[in-house]
Amino acid sequence: MPNQTANASLFYIGLEWLNDVKEFLKIGQLEGTLSMQQKQRLVKRAKPFTLKNGELYRMGQDNRLR
């Protein structure tokens, strides 16, 4: 069987914003260095998330934490 990963392309999915969501949920404030548009985007992205025991969970469409 030939090596199927030989021609595979690697890519990076940046999820740094999840760290910002976690910090926002933890302290309830946004960084002062963010623009108003970035703050609005972060608040919108944070809505389906919750923080439990320091772990970030996302509410699924079935209302279950994942």
N, C-alpha and C. Protein backbone atom coordinates (compact mmCIF):
# COMPACT_ATOMS: atom_id res chain seq x y z
N MET A 1 0.85 -1.18 0.00
CA MET A 1 0.00 0.00 0.00
C MET A 1 0.90 1.24 0.00
N PRO A 2 0.68 2.16 -0.91
CA PRO A 2 1.52 3.36 -0.98
C PRO A 2 1.27 4.28 0.21
N ASN A 3 2.27 5.07 0.52
CA ASN A 3 2.16 6.04 1.61
C ASN A 3 1.20 7.15 1.19
N GLN A 4 0.06 7.21 1.83
CA GLN A 4 -0.97 8.18 1.44
C GLN A 4 -0.69 9.58 1.94
N THR A 5 0.24 9.72 2.87
CA THR A 5 0.55 11.05 3.39
C THR A 5 1.69 11.72 2.64
N ALA A 6 2.28 11.03 1.69
CA ALA A 6 3.43 11.57 0.97
C ALA A 6 3.08 12.87 0.25
N ASN A 7 1.88 12.97 -0.30
CA ASN A 7 1.48 14.16 -1.04
C ASN A 7 0.52 15.05 -0.26
N ALA A 8 0.35 14.77 1.00
CA ALA A 8 -0.58 15.54 1.83
C ALA A 8 0.00 16.93 2.10
N SER A 9 -0.88 17.90 2.13
CA SER A 9 -0.49 19.26 2.48
C SER A 9 -0.81 19.50 3.95
N LEU A 10 0.10 20.15 4.63
CA LEU A 10 -0.13 20.51 6.01
C LEU A 10 -0.63 21.94 6.07
N PHE A 11 -1.54 22.19 6.98
CA PHE A 11 -2.02 23.55 7.16
C PHE A 11 -2.27 23.80 8.63
N TYR A 12 -2.31 25.05 8.99
CA TYR A 12 -2.47 25.45 10.38
C TYR A 12 -3.80 26.16 10.54
N ILE A 13 -4.56 25.74 11.52
CA ILE A 13 -5.81 26.41 11.84
C ILE A 13 -5.58 27.21 13.11
N GLY A 14 -5.58 28.52 12.99
CA GLY A 14 -5.32 29.38 14.14
C GLY A 14 -6.55 29.52 15.02
N LEU A 15 -6.43 29.08 16.24
CA LEU A 15 -7.54 29.17 17.18
C LEU A 15 -7.16 30.01 18.39
N GLU A 16 -6.29 30.99 18.18
CA GLU A 16 -5.86 31.84 19.28
C GLU A 16 -7.04 32.57 19.91
N TRP A 17 -8.06 32.84 19.11
CA TRP A 17 -9.22 33.57 19.63
C TRP A 17 -9.92 32.78 20.74
N LEU A 18 -9.75 31.45 20.76
CA LEU A 18 -10.34 30.66 21.85
C LEU A 18 -9.69 31.01 23.19
N ASN A 19 -8.41 31.33 23.17
CA ASN A 19 -7.75 31.78 24.39
C ASN A 19 -8.35 33.10 24.86
N ASP A 20 -8.66 33.98 23.91
CA ASP A 20 -9.30 35.26 24.25
C ASP A 20 -10.70 35.03 24.81
N VAL A 21 -11.45 34.08 24.25
CA VAL A 21 -12.79 33.76 24.75
C VAL A 21 -12.68 33.23 26.17
N LYS A 22 -11.74 32.34 26.40
CA LYS A 22 -11.56 31.76 27.73
C LYS A 22 -11.23 32.85 28.76
N GLU A 23 -10.33 33.74 28.40
CA GLU A 23 -9.95 34.82 29.30
C GLU A 23 -11.12 35.76 29.56
N PHE A 24 -11.90 36.06 28.52
CA PHE A 24 -13.08 36.92 28.66
C PHE A 24 -14.09 36.29 29.62
N LEU A 25 -14.34 34.99 29.46
CA LEU A 25 -15.28 34.32 30.34
C LEU A 25 -14.74 34.22 31.77
N LYS A 26 -13.45 34.13 31.90
CA LYS A 26 -12.82 33.99 33.22
C LYS A 26 -12.90 35.28 34.02
N ILE A 27 -12.55 36.42 33.39
CA ILE A 27 -12.49 37.68 34.14
C ILE A 27 -13.66 38.62 33.83
N GLY A 28 -14.39 38.35 32.76
CA GLY A 28 -15.56 39.18 32.44
C GLY A 28 -15.23 40.51 31.80
N GLN A 29 -13.99 40.67 31.34
CA GLN A 29 -13.58 41.91 30.69
C GLN A 29 -12.78 41.58 29.44
N LEU A 30 -12.77 42.55 28.53
CA LEU A 30 -12.00 42.41 27.30
C LEU A 30 -10.71 43.21 27.40
N GLU A 31 -9.72 42.78 26.65
CA GLU A 31 -8.44 43.49 26.61
C GLU A 31 -8.64 44.90 26.09
N GLY A 32 -7.92 45.83 26.68
CA GLY A 32 -7.99 47.22 26.24
C GLY A 32 -7.33 47.45 24.91
N THR A 33 -6.50 46.50 24.47
CA THR A 33 -5.77 46.68 23.20
C THR A 33 -6.62 46.32 21.99
N LEU A 34 -7.80 45.74 22.20
CA LEU A 34 -8.65 45.34 21.08
C LEU A 34 -9.46 46.52 20.57
N SER A 35 -9.67 46.56 19.26
CA SER A 35 -10.52 47.59 18.68
C SER A 35 -11.98 47.28 19.02
N MET A 36 -12.86 48.24 18.82
CA MET A 36 -14.27 48.04 19.10
C MET A 36 -14.83 46.89 18.26
N GLN A 37 -14.42 46.80 17.01
CA GLN A 37 -14.88 45.72 16.12
C GLN A 37 -14.38 44.37 16.62
N GLN A 38 -13.15 44.28 17.08
CA GLN A 38 -12.60 43.04 17.61
C GLN A 38 -13.33 42.63 18.90
N LYS A 39 -13.65 43.60 19.73
CA LYS A 39 -14.39 43.33 20.97
C LYS A 39 -15.77 42.77 20.66
N GLN A 40 -16.46 43.39 19.71
CA GLN A 40 -17.80 42.94 19.33
C GLN A 40 -17.75 41.52 18.77
N ARG A 41 -16.76 41.24 17.94
CA ARG A 41 -16.60 39.91 17.36
C ARG A 41 -16.33 38.87 18.44
N LEU A 42 -15.48 39.21 19.40
CA LEU A 42 -15.14 38.29 20.48
C LEU A 42 -16.35 37.99 21.36
N VAL A 43 -17.13 39.00 21.69
CA VAL A 43 -18.33 38.80 22.50
C VAL A 43 -19.32 37.90 21.76
N LYS A 44 -19.46 38.11 20.46
CA LYS A 44 -20.36 37.29 19.65
C LYS A 44 -19.87 35.84 19.60
N ARG A 45 -18.57 35.65 19.42
CA ARG A 45 -18.00 34.30 19.36
C ARG A 45 -18.09 33.58 20.70
N ALA A 46 -18.09 34.33 21.80
CA ALA A 46 -18.08 33.73 23.13
C ALA A 46 -19.45 33.22 23.57
N LYS A 47 -20.52 33.64 22.91
CA LYS A 47 -21.87 33.29 23.35
C LYS A 47 -22.12 31.80 23.53
N PRO A 48 -21.70 30.92 22.63
CA PRO A 48 -22.00 29.49 22.83
C PRO A 48 -21.04 28.77 23.79
N PHE A 49 -20.11 29.50 24.39
CA PHE A 49 -19.11 28.88 25.25
C PHE A 49 -19.41 29.13 26.72
N THR A 50 -18.93 28.23 27.55
CA THR A 50 -18.99 28.38 28.99
C THR A 50 -17.70 27.84 29.58
N LEU A 51 -17.36 28.32 30.75
CA LEU A 51 -16.14 27.91 31.43
C LEU A 51 -16.52 27.15 32.69
N LYS A 52 -16.06 25.90 32.79
CA LYS A 52 -16.34 25.06 33.96
C LYS A 52 -15.03 24.49 34.46
N ASN A 53 -14.72 24.77 35.70
CA ASN A 53 -13.48 24.27 36.32
C ASN A 53 -12.25 24.58 35.46
N GLY A 54 -12.23 25.75 34.86
CA GLY A 54 -11.08 26.17 34.06
C GLY A 54 -11.04 25.60 32.66
N GLU A 55 -12.03 24.77 32.29
CA GLU A 55 -12.08 24.17 30.96
C GLU A 55 -13.15 24.88 30.12
N LEU A 56 -12.86 25.09 28.86
CA LEU A 56 -13.78 25.76 27.95
C LEU A 56 -14.66 24.73 27.25
N TYR A 57 -15.97 24.93 27.33
CA TYR A 57 -16.93 24.04 26.68
C TYR A 57 -17.80 24.85 25.75
N ARG A 58 -18.26 24.20 24.68
CA ARG A 58 -19.16 24.83 23.72
C ARG A 58 -20.50 24.13 23.80
N MET A 59 -21.56 24.92 23.80
CA MET A 59 -22.90 24.37 23.83
C MET A 59 -23.27 23.91 22.42
N GLY A 60 -23.63 22.63 22.30
CA GLY A 60 -24.02 22.08 21.01
C GLY A 60 -25.44 22.48 20.66
N GLN A 61 -25.87 22.16 19.45
CA GLN A 61 -27.22 22.49 19.01
C GLN A 61 -28.26 21.71 19.79
N ASP A 62 -27.85 20.61 20.40
CA ASP A 62 -28.77 19.81 21.21
C ASP A 62 -28.75 20.25 22.68
N ASN A 63 -28.16 21.42 22.96
CA ASN A 63 -28.05 22.00 24.30
C ASN A 63 -27.22 21.13 25.25
N ARG A 64 -26.24 20.44 24.72
CA ARG A 64 -25.30 19.67 25.52
C ARG A 64 -23.93 20.32 25.41
N LEU A 65 -23.24 20.38 26.54
CA LEU A 65 -21.89 20.94 26.53
C LEU A 65 -20.94 19.94 25.91
N ARG A 66 -20.04 20.43 25.09
CA ARG A 66 -19.07 19.58 24.42
C ARG A 66 -17.69 20.11 24.68
